[in-house]
């Protein structure tokens, strides 16, 4: 049977508090301790008999054994032996806190005597133990609460055993422990947070173990970097390629043993064509073009609800693009429309909304398809790519009072996208077109105009061009609707094709980066959109995740409150916001 905690049970004339074993022969405290180090009930029985005999021999040699002491029974009384040993320990504790085995019984037996969970008043003195040696035995495991009750223990040495595993709560409650040694065992892994209760730990010795330096040990690597304790060097026993190396030197485990995911965070119940983000006075905003609803909706990040909420709404006709520009603490939004001309709105703080600032000449832009804003020599410009047959892509310049038409680029080419890039320290503008290969314009410092410099060969029918950098190297992502989209690298004064990405109804291939990870999102009108991740060893993008978006038109990275999101605009479905999350593979 089992007696509930707090009740008393009499065994062989001795009264114990707390749980009892189902045999009614031993207090549960003994069996718990035995289980903690893998000792069977038979071993306990033999151990108690030896303790009883040893104690009597020791006291007889010191002349303390009285004639009236009852002779040892044949069966041995575990309860009697335990009380005698406890009294012996009580006497010895006043001399020195380091207990050693004085008779020919094992350290396992000593552990059984000292490790207690629910103590009778006769055992209270044992709580004062401060130092404990359990070296050179055959322990193979340390289970939860193996040292429960030893609240004042400061030194614990469990060296030269056969310990392979410990439990998460093996050292629970040892708040005063300052020195712990698990040296020269067979430990391969230590459970996460195994040292979490050791608030006073000064020194930890893990030498001579068989630590496997894989993802299960990543937490230990992190702990070694943050703990204030002095810890011996931890050497790897495996895997084979890491044998003999210090765990502390394997910082790449932090990256190798973490992955990422894109988890749906919020769904916006409307279609959209483009998304742009901007910061203003420590807040993050997003401008979304909604052609079917004839809106340019401005959202703001809600720091309380932790989502994006409506802030303002700019109305228009068939809005295809909303581009924000911050100039001298003023926020402007360029609203490109298919009908009724395009306009520029300025944020009015007194009204806490965007109001119309100026119109854009209708004669210059017939069918706007993209807006790109940039600075050259501290002067602000934006370009609108015109995709009409007689279109005239146009550059606009800020003159402190407004934007005015500054330069017409080329016409009759149905430009689909524009991208501003810095090539070898010089400003360039790339225009993609349905009717020719992408054209590169270079900024002329003398005339302060763009002049056509070169082309990107063998890349007809490009619908979008985006630039990105990885470790200071410049790349381009060129999107084709059908066929192969391309990743190009700028090297030796030219763009070189380094990767083909199969496209099936793709209108956008967008590069973006979060937390030193580089991604490439390829939309598809016919199937799942693909997210690729940059493989540093291969120097290529590899497939990472599929997401379903109806007719995706843009992927926009937004970061706020140390959280990262990707906005996915959809021409036929809801606009979705995915959160970029870190996945710990060591868990």
Protein backbone atom coordinates (compact mmCIF):
# COMPACT_ATOMS: atom_id res chain seq x y z
CA UNK A 1 0.00 0.00 0.00
CA UNK A 2 0.98 3.66 -0.22
CA UNK A 3 0.46 6.04 2.70
CA UNK A 4 -0.29 9.65 1.64
CA UNK A 5 2.12 12.49 2.39
CA UNK A 6 1.81 13.93 5.89
CA UNK A 7 0.54 10.74 7.57
CA UNK A 8 2.51 8.52 9.95
CA UNK A 9 3.27 4.82 9.63
CA UNK A 10 4.84 2.52 12.25
CA UNK A 11 7.28 -0.10 10.98
CA UNK A 12 9.17 -2.47 13.32
CA UNK A 13 8.52 -0.18 16.23
CA UNK A 14 9.68 3.02 14.46
CA UNK A 15 7.42 5.78 13.23
CA UNK A 16 8.00 7.45 9.85
CA UNK A 17 6.24 10.33 8.14
CA UNK A 18 5.32 10.58 4.47
CA UNK A 19 5.03 7.98 1.74
CA UNK A 20 5.78 4.32 2.46
CA UNK A 21 6.70 1.60 0.02
CA UNK A 22 4.09 -0.90 -1.03
CA UNK A 23 6.02 -3.56 0.94
CA UNK A 24 5.73 -1.65 4.24
CA UNK A 25 9.35 -2.65 4.93
CA UNK A 26 11.18 0.53 4.01
CA UNK A 27 10.37 4.21 4.15
CA UNK A 28 9.75 5.56 0.67
CA UNK A 29 12.68 7.90 1.12
CA UNK A 30 15.04 4.94 0.82
CA UNK A 31 13.36 3.48 -2.23
CA UNK A 32 13.28 6.89 -3.95
CA UNK A 33 16.99 7.29 -3.38
CA UNK A 34 17.66 3.75 -4.53
CA UNK A 35 15.68 4.31 -7.69
CA UNK A 36 17.53 7.57 -8.33
CA UNK A 37 20.82 5.70 -8.71
CA UNK A 38 19.53 2.43 -10.11
CA UNK A 39 19.78 0.21 -6.97
CA UNK A 40 17.32 -2.65 -6.52
CA UNK A 41 15.32 -3.46 -3.39
CA UNK A 42 17.59 -6.45 -2.72
CA UNK A 43 20.60 -4.16 -2.73
CA UNK A 44 18.84 -1.89 -0.26
CA UNK A 45 18.20 -4.80 2.09
CA UNK A 46 21.85 -5.91 2.02
CA UNK A 47 23.09 -2.34 2.30
CA UNK A 48 21.04 -1.61 5.44
CA UNK A 49 22.30 -4.79 7.12
CA UNK A 50 25.90 -3.79 6.41
CA UNK A 51 25.30 -0.29 7.71
CA UNK A 52 23.86 -1.67 10.93
CA UNK A 53 26.83 -4.01 11.43
CA UNK A 54 29.37 -1.35 10.50
CA UNK A 55 27.93 1.15 12.94
CA UNK A 56 28.05 -1.34 15.82
CA UNK A 57 31.64 -2.29 14.97
CA UNK A 58 32.69 1.35 14.84
CA UNK A 59 31.05 2.19 18.18
CA UNK A 60 32.46 -0.94 19.83
CA UNK A 61 35.97 0.07 18.78
CA UNK A 62 35.43 3.50 20.32
CA UNK A 63 34.09 1.89 23.52
CA UNK A 64 30.69 3.47 23.08
CA UNK A 65 28.72 0.25 22.62
CA UNK A 66 26.80 -0.59 25.79
CA UNK A 67 26.19 -4.12 26.94
CA UNK A 68 22.48 -3.51 26.91
CA UNK A 69 22.58 -2.90 23.14
CA UNK A 70 20.41 -5.51 21.52
CA UNK A 71 22.26 -8.07 19.40
CA UNK A 72 21.90 -7.84 15.64
CA UNK A 73 18.86 -9.67 14.45
CA UNK A 74 19.15 -12.12 11.63
CA UNK A 75 16.91 -10.15 9.39
CA UNK A 76 18.33 -6.73 10.20
CA UNK A 77 16.05 -3.81 10.95
CA UNK A 78 16.32 -1.20 8.20
CA UNK A 79 14.56 1.43 10.26
CA UNK A 80 16.81 0.83 13.26
CA UNK A 81 19.93 0.93 11.12
CA UNK A 82 18.85 4.14 9.49
CA UNK A 83 18.25 5.85 12.82
CA UNK A 84 21.60 4.69 14.23
CA UNK A 85 23.44 5.92 11.13
CA UNK A 86 21.57 9.21 11.33
CA UNK A 87 22.67 9.67 14.95
CA UNK A 88 26.24 8.82 14.00
CA UNK A 89 26.10 11.39 11.23
CA UNK A 90 24.68 13.92 13.67
CA UNK A 91 27.65 13.49 15.99
CA UNK A 92 30.15 13.65 13.14
CA UNK A 93 28.59 16.70 11.53
CA UNK A 94 29.90 18.95 14.26
CA UNK A 95 33.50 18.11 13.35
CA UNK A 96 33.56 18.55 9.57
CA UNK A 97 31.01 18.81 6.85
CA UNK A 98 32.78 16.35 4.53
CA UNK A 99 31.41 12.84 5.15
CA UNK A 100 33.49 9.85 4.23
CA UNK A 101 32.66 6.15 4.36
CA UNK A 102 34.40 4.75 7.45
CA UNK A 103 33.35 1.14 7.07
CA UNK A 104 33.29 -1.41 4.28
CA UNK A 105 30.01 -0.41 2.73
CA UNK A 106 29.59 1.21 -0.63
CA UNK A 107 29.00 4.83 -1.59
CA UNK A 108 25.65 3.66 -2.96
CA UNK A 109 24.69 2.72 0.57
CA UNK A 110 25.88 6.10 1.82
CA UNK A 111 23.75 7.79 -0.82
CA UNK A 112 20.75 5.80 0.34
CA UNK A 113 21.32 7.03 3.88
CA UNK A 114 21.73 10.69 2.99
CA UNK A 115 19.37 11.28 0.06
CA UNK A 116 15.95 11.73 1.62
CA UNK A 117 12.76 13.40 0.50
CA UNK A 118 10.49 13.46 3.55
CA UNK A 119 12.48 13.47 6.75
CA UNK A 120 11.61 12.38 10.28
CA UNK A 121 12.83 14.74 13.01
CA UNK A 122 15.65 12.26 13.77
CA UNK A 123 17.04 12.93 10.27
CA UNK A 124 16.98 16.73 10.28
CA UNK A 125 20.69 17.04 11.09
CA UNK A 126 21.58 15.38 7.80
CA UNK A 127 20.35 18.50 6.00
CA UNK A 128 23.47 20.32 7.18
CA UNK A 129 25.77 18.33 4.90
CA UNK A 130 27.80 20.72 2.72
CA UNK A 131 30.29 18.50 0.91
CA UNK A 132 29.76 15.15 -0.73
CA UNK A 133 32.06 12.78 -2.62
CA UNK A 134 30.49 10.05 -4.75
CA UNK A 135 33.55 9.20 -6.82
CA UNK A 136 34.67 5.91 -8.39
CA UNK A 137 31.41 4.01 -8.23
CA UNK A 138 29.12 2.45 -10.81
CA UNK A 139 26.32 5.01 -11.06
CA UNK A 140 24.80 5.03 -14.54
CA UNK A 141 22.12 7.68 -14.20
CA UNK A 142 20.96 10.52 -11.98
CA UNK A 143 17.20 10.85 -11.84
CA UNK A 144 14.94 13.73 -10.84
CA UNK A 145 15.34 15.07 -7.29
CA UNK A 146 18.18 12.67 -6.49
CA UNK A 147 19.53 15.17 -3.94
CA UNK A 148 16.26 16.50 -2.62
CA UNK A 149 16.50 17.72 0.95
CA UNK A 150 20.20 18.60 0.90
CA UNK A 151 19.45 22.29 0.84
CA UNK A 152 22.85 23.40 2.16
CA UNK A 153 25.02 21.25 -0.09
CA UNK A 154 27.90 23.31 -1.52
CA UNK A 155 30.32 20.73 -2.98
CA UNK A 156 29.15 17.73 -5.01
CA UNK A 157 31.62 15.44 -6.77
CA UNK A 158 30.31 12.53 -8.87
CA UNK A 159 33.48 11.63 -10.76
CA UNK A 160 34.77 8.42 -12.37
CA UNK A 161 31.39 6.73 -12.59
CA UNK A 162 29.45 5.32 -15.54
CA UNK A 163 26.84 8.05 -15.78
CA UNK A 164 25.38 8.30 -19.28
CA UNK A 165 22.29 10.37 -18.60
CA UNK A 166 20.90 12.81 -16.09
CA UNK A 167 17.35 14.01 -15.72
CA UNK A 168 16.24 17.58 -16.22
CA UNK A 169 15.67 18.03 -12.48
CA UNK A 170 18.57 15.96 -11.16
CA UNK A 171 19.96 18.93 -9.22
CA UNK A 172 16.68 20.59 -8.33
CA UNK A 173 16.75 22.48 -5.05
CA UNK A 174 20.55 22.73 -4.75
CA UNK A 175 20.51 26.53 -4.63
CA UNK A 176 23.62 26.73 -2.41
CA UNK A 177 25.76 24.41 -4.57
CA UNK A 178 28.96 26.21 -5.59
CA UNK A 179 31.09 23.36 -6.99
CA UNK A 180 29.84 20.50 -9.14
CA UNK A 181 31.99 17.88 -10.84
CA UNK A 182 30.67 15.32 -13.30
CA UNK A 183 34.14 14.61 -14.67
CA UNK A 184 35.18 11.30 -16.22
CA UNK A 185 31.78 9.77 -16.88
CA UNK A 186 30.08 8.67 -20.11
CA UNK A 187 27.75 11.64 -20.51
CA UNK A 188 26.78 12.26 -24.14
CA UNK A 189 24.04 14.81 -23.61
CA UNK A 190 22.87 16.98 -20.76
CA UNK A 191 19.18 17.90 -20.68
CA UNK A 192 18.22 21.52 -21.23
CA UNK A 193 17.97 23.54 -17.98
CA UNK A 194 19.64 20.80 -15.92
CA UNK A 195 21.63 23.55 -14.15
CA UNK A 196 18.74 26.01 -13.83
CA UNK A 197 18.46 25.70 -10.03
CA UNK A 198 22.18 26.13 -9.41
CA UNK A 199 22.04 29.85 -8.66
CA UNK A 200 25.27 29.84 -6.64
CA UNK A 201 27.36 27.69 -8.96
CA UNK A 202 30.97 28.89 -9.20
CA UNK A 203 32.75 25.96 -10.83
CA UNK A 204 31.56 23.13 -13.06
CA UNK A 205 33.79 20.29 -14.26
CA UNK A 206 32.64 18.33 -17.31
CA UNK A 207 36.00 16.97 -18.42
CA UNK A 208 36.42 13.39 -19.58
CA UNK A 209 32.90 12.83 -20.89
CA UNK A 210 31.58 11.75 -24.29
CA UNK A 211 29.75 14.92 -25.31
CA UNK A 212 28.11 14.73 -28.75
CA UNK A 213 28.39 18.16 -30.36
CA UNK A 214 25.20 18.18 -32.39
CA UNK A 215 21.94 20.08 -32.14
CA UNK A 216 21.04 18.48 -28.81
CA UNK A 217 24.06 20.25 -27.31
CA UNK A 218 23.29 23.67 -28.79
CA UNK A 219 21.64 24.80 -25.56
CA UNK A 220 24.83 23.91 -23.67
CA UNK A 221 26.88 26.01 -26.09
CA UNK A 222 24.57 28.95 -25.45
CA UNK A 223 24.67 28.38 -21.69
CA UNK A 224 28.47 28.25 -21.67
CA UNK A 225 28.52 31.67 -23.34
CA UNK A 226 26.17 33.27 -20.84
CA UNK A 227 26.92 31.64 -17.48
CA UNK A 228 29.00 33.41 -14.85
CA UNK A 229 30.37 30.09 -13.63
CA UNK A 230 33.84 28.82 -14.46
CA UNK A 231 33.42 25.73 -16.62
CA UNK A 232 36.10 23.34 -17.77
CA UNK A 233 36.69 23.09 -21.51
CA UNK A 234 34.11 20.75 -23.05
CA UNK A 235 35.61 18.62 -25.83
CA UNK A 236 33.53 16.85 -28.46
CA UNK A 237 33.58 13.06 -28.66
CA UNK A 238 31.41 13.14 -31.77
CA UNK A 239 30.35 13.35 -34.48
CA UNK A 240 33.57 12.05 -36.02
CA UNK A 241 34.41 15.23 -37.93
CA UNK A 242 34.26 17.27 -34.71
CA UNK A 243 36.04 14.86 -32.38
CA UNK A 244 38.54 16.67 -30.17
CA UNK A 245 37.21 20.15 -30.88
CA UNK A 246 35.98 22.46 -28.15
CA UNK A 247 32.23 22.95 -27.98
CA UNK A 248 32.81 26.65 -27.36
CA UNK A 249 34.43 26.98 -30.78
CA UNK A 250 31.41 25.61 -32.67
CA UNK A 251 29.43 28.82 -33.01
CA UNK A 252 28.01 27.61 -36.31
CA UNK A 253 25.74 25.29 -34.29
CA UNK A 254 23.63 28.34 -33.46
CA UNK A 255 22.84 28.70 -37.15
CA UNK A 256 22.88 25.02 -38.11
CA UNK A 257 20.51 24.04 -35.32
CA UNK A 258 17.92 26.69 -36.02
CA UNK A 259 15.54 26.89 -38.92
CA UNK A 260 12.79 29.31 -39.82
CA UNK A 261 9.20 29.24 -40.93
CA UNK A 262 6.57 31.57 -42.32
CA UNK A 263 3.39 31.37 -40.26
CA UNK A 264 0.16 33.11 -41.20
CA UNK A 265 -0.23 36.04 -38.82
CA UNK A 266 -3.09 38.10 -40.24
CA UNK A 267 -5.48 38.05 -43.18
CA UNK A 268 -6.74 41.29 -44.72
CA UNK A 269 -10.12 40.74 -46.45
CA UNK A 270 -9.37 42.54 -49.69
CA UNK A 271 -7.44 42.19 -52.92
CA UNK A 272 -4.31 44.24 -53.54
CA UNK A 273 -1.73 44.92 -56.20
CA UNK A 274 1.26 46.38 -54.37
CA UNK A 275 2.51 47.01 -50.83
CA UNK A 276 5.01 49.59 -49.61
CA UNK A 277 6.29 50.21 -46.08
CA UNK A 278 7.69 53.28 -44.36
CA UNK A 279 8.73 54.48 -40.90
CA UNK A 280 7.57 57.76 -39.45
CA UNK A 281 8.34 59.02 -35.94
CA UNK A 282 9.21 55.59 -34.56
CA UNK A 283 6.09 53.95 -35.96
CA UNK A 284 5.78 51.51 -38.85
CA UNK A 285 3.22 51.99 -41.61
CA UNK A 286 2.18 50.07 -44.71
CA UNK A 287 0.55 51.51 -47.86
CA UNK A 288 -1.50 49.02 -49.89
CA UNK A 289 -2.82 49.67 -53.41
CA UNK A 290 -6.35 48.27 -53.89
CA UNK A 291 -7.43 48.81 -57.52
CA UNK A 292 -10.80 47.05 -57.21
CA UNK A 293 -11.75 49.04 -54.11
CA UNK A 294 -10.17 52.22 -55.56
CA UNK A 295 -8.21 52.80 -52.38
CA UNK A 296 -4.71 53.30 -51.14
CA UNK A 297 -5.08 51.98 -47.60
CA UNK A 298 -2.54 52.99 -44.97
CA UNK A 299 -2.07 50.57 -42.06
CA UNK A 300 -0.13 51.08 -38.85
CA UNK A 301 1.38 48.57 -36.45
CA UNK A 302 -0.58 48.28 -33.21
CA UNK A 303 1.95 47.78 -30.39
CA UNK A 304 -0.79 46.58 -28.02
CA UNK A 305 -2.79 44.19 -30.18
CA UNK A 306 0.35 43.16 -32.10
CA UNK A 307 -1.26 43.39 -35.52
CA UNK A 308 -1.73 45.86 -38.36
CA UNK A 309 -4.76 48.14 -38.22
CA UNK A 310 -6.29 50.74 -40.53
CA UNK A 311 -4.88 54.25 -40.14
CA UNK A 312 -5.93 56.21 -43.24
CA UNK A 313 -7.53 55.68 -46.61
CA UNK A 314 -6.68 57.54 -49.82
CA UNK A 315 -9.38 57.18 -52.46
CA UNK A 316 -8.84 57.26 -56.22
CA UNK A 317 -9.56 55.48 -59.49
CA UNK A 318 -7.95 52.12 -60.32
CA UNK A 319 -4.99 52.69 -58.00
CA UNK A 320 -2.09 50.43 -59.00
CA UNK A 321 0.71 51.76 -56.81
CA UNK A 322 1.30 53.62 -53.53
CA UNK A 323 4.90 54.69 -52.91
CA UNK A 324 6.00 56.54 -49.75
CA UNK A 325 8.91 59.01 -49.66
CA UNK A 326 10.28 60.67 -46.51
CA UNK A 327 11.83 64.08 -47.32
CA UNK A 328 12.99 66.40 -44.55
CA UNK A 329 10.60 64.93 -41.98
CA UNK A 330 7.72 65.12 -44.43
CA UNK A 331 5.92 62.02 -45.65
CA UNK A 332 4.62 61.90 -49.21
CA UNK A 333 2.71 59.07 -50.89
CA UNK A 334 2.77 58.87 -54.68
CA UNK A 335 -0.51 57.36 -55.85
CA UNK A 336 -0.35 55.94 -59.40
CA UNK A 337 -3.71 55.46 -61.14
CA UNK A 338 -4.81 53.97 -64.45
CA UNK A 339 -7.49 56.63 -64.87
CA UNK A 340 -7.85 60.22 -63.76
CA UNK A 341 -4.13 60.89 -63.55
CA UNK A 342 -1.72 60.17 -60.72
CA UNK A 343 -1.32 62.28 -57.59
CA UNK A 344 0.96 62.97 -54.64
CA UNK A 345 -0.39 63.13 -51.10
CA UNK A 346 1.29 64.67 -48.06
CA UNK A 347 0.75 63.78 -44.41
CA UNK A 348 -1.00 66.55 -42.48
CA UNK A 349 -0.24 66.23 -38.77
CA UNK A 350 -3.00 68.63 -37.77
CA UNK A 351 -5.58 66.36 -39.41
CA UNK A 352 -3.62 63.11 -38.83
CA UNK A 353 -4.29 62.06 -42.41
CA UNK A 354 -2.92 62.33 -45.94
CA UNK A 355 -4.18 65.22 -48.08
CA UNK A 356 -3.63 65.88 -51.79
CA UNK A 357 -0.38 67.78 -52.37
CA UNK A 358 -0.04 67.90 -56.17
CA UNK A 359 -1.07 66.27 -59.45
CA UNK A 360 1.28 64.44 -61.81
CA UNK A 361 1.11 65.47 -65.47
CA UNK A 362 -1.35 63.19 -67.25
CA UNK A 363 0.33 63.70 -70.63
CA UNK A 364 3.53 62.08 -69.41
CA UNK A 365 2.13 58.87 -67.91
CA UNK A 366 -0.56 56.77 -69.62
CA UNK A 367 -0.38 53.38 -67.88
CA UNK A 368 1.82 53.43 -64.75
CA UNK A 369 3.15 50.03 -63.76
CA UNK A 370 5.84 50.73 -61.15
CA UNK A 371 7.19 53.56 -58.97
CA UNK A 372 10.80 53.69 -57.79
CA UNK A 373 12.14 56.44 -55.46
CA UNK A 374 15.83 57.14 -54.77
CA UNK A 375 18.43 59.78 -53.91
CA UNK A 376 21.41 60.99 -55.97
CA UNK A 377 23.81 63.49 -54.37
CA UNK A 378 21.26 64.23 -51.65
CA UNK A 379 18.57 65.09 -54.20
CA UNK A 380 15.31 63.15 -54.35
CA UNK A 381 13.90 61.55 -57.50
CA UNK A 382 11.24 59.07 -58.44
CA UNK A 383 10.58 57.31 -61.73
CA UNK A 384 7.30 55.91 -63.04
CA UNK A 385 7.56 53.03 -65.53
CA UNK A 386 4.88 53.37 -68.19
CA UNK A 387 3.65 50.09 -69.71
CA UNK A 388 1.41 51.49 -72.45
CA UNK A 389 2.35 50.99 -76.10
CA UNK A 390 3.12 54.68 -76.49
CA UNK A 391 4.31 54.94 -72.91
CA UNK A 392 6.97 57.34 -71.78
CA UNK A 393 8.71 56.32 -68.55
CA UNK A 394 9.47 59.55 -66.72
CA UNK A 395 11.87 60.76 -64.02
CA UNK A 396 10.63 63.34 -61.49
CA UNK A 397 12.74 65.54 -59.20
CA UNK A 398 12.02 67.27 -55.88
CA UNK A 399 12.64 71.06 -55.84
CA UNK A 400 11.70 71.83 -52.18
CA UNK A 401 8.19 72.85 -53.23
CA UNK A 402 7.10 69.79 -55.13
CA UNK A 403 8.00 67.24 -57.76
CA UNK A 404 8.34 68.18 -61.40
CA UNK A 405 9.01 66.26 -64.59
CA UNK A 406 12.78 66.10 -64.99
CA UNK A 407 13.64 63.58 -67.73
CA UNK A 408 11.82 61.36 -70.18
CA UNK A 409 13.67 58.07 -70.54
CA UNK A 410 12.55 56.00 -73.53
CA UNK A 411 9.21 55.43 -75.21
CA UNK A 412 7.45 52.71 -77.18
CA UNK A 413 8.95 49.92 -75.12
CA UNK A 414 6.11 49.07 -72.68
CA UNK A 415 8.27 49.27 -69.57
CA UNK A 416 7.12 46.96 -66.80
CA UNK A 417 9.49 47.73 -63.93
CA UNK A 418 12.37 49.95 -62.82
CA UNK A 419 15.17 49.44 -60.30
CA UNK A 420 17.77 51.87 -58.98
CA UNK A 421 21.18 50.26 -58.32
CA UNK A 422 24.69 51.34 -57.44
CA UNK A 423 27.25 49.74 -59.75
CA UNK A 424 30.84 50.29 -58.64
CA UNK A 425 29.92 53.50 -56.87
CA UNK A 426 27.93 54.99 -59.75
CA UNK A 427 24.11 55.45 -59.83
CA UNK A 428 22.32 53.36 -62.43
CA UNK A 429 18.72 52.76 -63.39
CA UNK A 430 17.47 49.50 -64.92
CA UNK A 431 14.26 49.43 -66.96
CA UNK A 432 12.61 46.10 -67.73
CA UNK A 433 10.36 45.83 -70.75
CA UNK A 434 7.99 43.44 -72.51
CA UNK A 435 9.38 44.37 -75.92
CA UNK A 436 13.14 44.32 -75.36
CA UNK A 437 15.85 43.10 -72.99
CA UNK A 438 16.42 45.14 -69.79
CA UNK A 439 18.22 48.43 -70.40
CA UNK A 440 20.80 49.95 -68.03
CA UNK A 441 21.03 53.74 -67.72
CA UNK A 442 23.99 55.44 -66.01
CA UNK A 443 23.86 58.79 -64.23
CA UNK A 444 25.96 61.43 -65.96
CA UNK A 445 27.48 63.79 -63.40
CA UNK A 446 28.04 66.54 -65.94
CA UNK A 447 24.58 66.68 -67.46
CA UNK A 448 22.93 65.32 -64.32
CA UNK A 449 20.80 63.06 -66.47
CA UNK A 450 20.56 59.34 -67.12
CA UNK A 451 22.08 58.09 -70.36
CA UNK A 452 21.63 54.62 -71.81
CA UNK A 453 24.77 52.58 -71.19
CA UNK A 454 24.14 48.89 -71.89
CA UNK A 455 21.68 46.01 -71.92
CA UNK A 456 21.27 42.70 -70.11
CA UNK A 457 21.42 40.18 -72.98
CA UNK A 458 19.26 37.09 -73.49
CA UNK A 459 16.56 38.28 -71.07
CA UNK A 460 13.54 39.13 -73.17
CA UNK A 461 10.06 39.59 -71.74
CA UNK A 462 11.09 40.48 -68.19
CA UNK A 463 8.14 41.67 -66.08
CA UNK A 464 10.03 42.64 -62.91
CA UNK A 465 13.59 43.45 -61.84
CA UNK A 466 14.73 43.57 -58.19
CA UNK A 467 18.21 44.06 -56.74
CA UNK A 468 19.65 42.70 -53.50
CA UNK A 469 22.97 42.22 -51.75
CA UNK A 470 24.53 39.27 -49.97
CA UNK A 471 27.81 39.99 -48.21
CA UNK A 472 28.37 43.19 -50.19
CA UNK A 473 27.88 41.42 -53.52
CA UNK A 474 25.18 42.74 -55.82
CA UNK A 475 22.57 40.49 -57.45
CA UNK A 476 19.52 40.94 -59.64
CA UNK A 477 16.31 38.90 -59.67
CA UNK A 478 14.66 39.04 -63.11
CA UNK A 479 11.10 37.70 -63.33
CA UNK A 480 9.56 36.08 -66.38
CA UNK A 481 5.90 35.12 -66.56
CA UNK A 482 6.60 31.82 -68.33
CA UNK A 483 9.94 30.09 -68.72
CA UNK A 484 12.89 30.62 -66.43
CA UNK A 485 13.30 33.58 -64.15
CA UNK A 486 16.94 34.43 -63.51
CA UNK A 487 19.32 35.36 -60.70
CA UNK A 488 22.27 37.43 -61.94
CA UNK A 489 25.44 38.52 -60.16
CA UNK A 490 27.40 41.70 -60.82
CA UNK A 491 31.01 40.74 -61.50
CA UNK A 492 33.77 42.03 -63.77
CA UNK A 493 31.70 45.01 -64.90
CA UNK A 494 28.76 42.90 -66.06
CA UNK A 495 25.81 40.85 -64.83
CA UNK A 496 26.41 37.10 -65.02
CA UNK A 497 23.64 34.48 -64.98
CA UNK A 498 24.15 32.21 -61.93
CA UNK A 499 20.76 30.51 -61.47
CA UNK A 500 17.58 29.71 -63.37
CA UNK A 501 14.31 29.45 -61.45
CA UNK A 502 11.36 27.78 -63.26
CA UNK A 503 8.40 30.17 -63.55
CA UNK A 504 4.77 29.21 -64.07
CA UNK A 505 2.67 32.33 -64.39
CA UNK A 506 5.03 34.49 -62.33
CA UNK A 507 4.57 38.25 -62.08
CA UNK A 508 7.04 38.78 -59.22
CA UNK A 509 10.25 37.23 -57.88
CA UNK A 510 11.11 39.24 -54.79
CA UNK A 511 14.33 38.96 -52.74
CA UNK A 512 14.23 39.86 -49.03
CA UNK A 513 16.28 39.21 -45.89
CA UNK A 514 15.52 38.58 -42.22
CA UNK A 515 18.10 37.96 -39.47
CA UNK A 516 21.00 37.24 -41.83
CA UNK A 517 18.89 34.80 -43.84
CA UNK A 518 18.27 35.61 -47.48
CA UNK A 519 15.09 34.55 -49.26
CA UNK A 520 13.60 34.68 -52.73
CA UNK A 521 9.82 34.58 -53.14
CA UNK A 522 8.56 33.47 -56.56
CA UNK A 523 4.86 34.02 -57.16
CA UNK A 524 2.68 31.87 -59.41
CA UNK A 525 -0.78 32.43 -60.88
CA UNK A 526 -1.21 28.71 -61.57
CA UNK A 527 0.15 26.86 -58.57
CA UNK A 528 1.78 27.35 -55.17
CA UNK A 529 4.20 30.21 -54.74
CA UNK A 530 7.71 29.16 -53.75
CA UNK A 531 10.00 30.63 -51.12
CA UNK A 532 13.68 29.86 -51.64
CA UNK A 533 16.50 30.33 -49.14
CA UNK A 534 20.12 31.15 -49.90
CA UNK A 535 22.54 28.25 -49.43
CA UNK A 536 25.87 29.75 -48.42
CA UNK A 537 27.85 26.69 -49.46
CA UNK A 538 26.24 26.29 -52.88
CA UNK A 539 25.97 30.06 -53.43
CA UNK A 540 22.49 29.41 -54.82
CA UNK A 541 18.87 29.59 -53.70
CA UNK A 542 17.26 26.29 -52.71
CA UNK A 543 13.58 25.48 -52.18
CA UNK A 544 12.42 26.22 -48.66
CA UNK A 545 8.62 26.49 -48.41
CA UNK A 546 5.44 26.58 -50.46
CA UNK A 547 2.63 29.02 -49.73
CA UNK A 548 -0.68 29.40 -51.53
CA UNK A 549 -1.64 32.88 -52.68
CA UNK A 550 -4.11 33.63 -55.44
CA UNK A 551 -2.43 35.65 -58.21
CA UNK A 552 0.38 37.14 -56.07
CA UNK A 553 1.65 40.52 -57.22
CA UNK A 554 4.12 41.56 -54.53
CA UNK A 555 6.04 40.31 -51.50
CA UNK A 556 7.04 43.07 -49.09
CA UNK A 557 9.20 42.64 -45.98
CA UNK A 558 8.15 44.62 -42.89
CA UNK A 559 9.91 44.61 -39.50
CA UNK A 560 8.61 46.07 -36.23
CA UNK A 561 8.93 45.36 -32.50
CA UNK A 562 11.73 42.89 -33.27
CA UNK A 563 9.29 40.85 -35.35
CA UNK A 564 9.49 40.25 -39.08
CA UNK A 565 6.61 39.92 -41.54
CA UNK A 566 6.11 39.39 -45.24
CA UNK A 567 3.06 41.01 -46.87
CA UNK A 568 1.71 39.08 -49.85
CA UNK A 569 -0.59 41.03 -52.14
CA UNK A 570 -3.15 39.07 -54.14
CA UNK A 571 -4.95 40.26 -57.25
CA UNK A 572 -7.74 37.67 -56.84
CA UNK A 573 -7.86 36.81 -53.13
CA UNK A 574 -7.16 38.10 -49.65
CA UNK A 575 -3.99 39.94 -48.76
CA UNK A 576 -2.05 37.78 -46.30
CA UNK A 577 0.61 38.63 -43.72
CA UNK A 578 3.06 35.87 -42.77
CA UNK A 579 5.36 36.12 -39.77
CA UNK A 580 8.96 34.98 -40.05
CA UNK A 581 9.62 32.74 -37.03
CA UNK A 582 12.71 31.02 -35.68
CA UNK A 583 12.48 27.26 -35.13
CA UNK A 584 14.92 25.72 -32.64
CA UNK A 585 15.88 22.27 -33.96
CA UNK A 586 17.56 21.35 -30.68
CA UNK A 587 14.25 21.10 -28.82
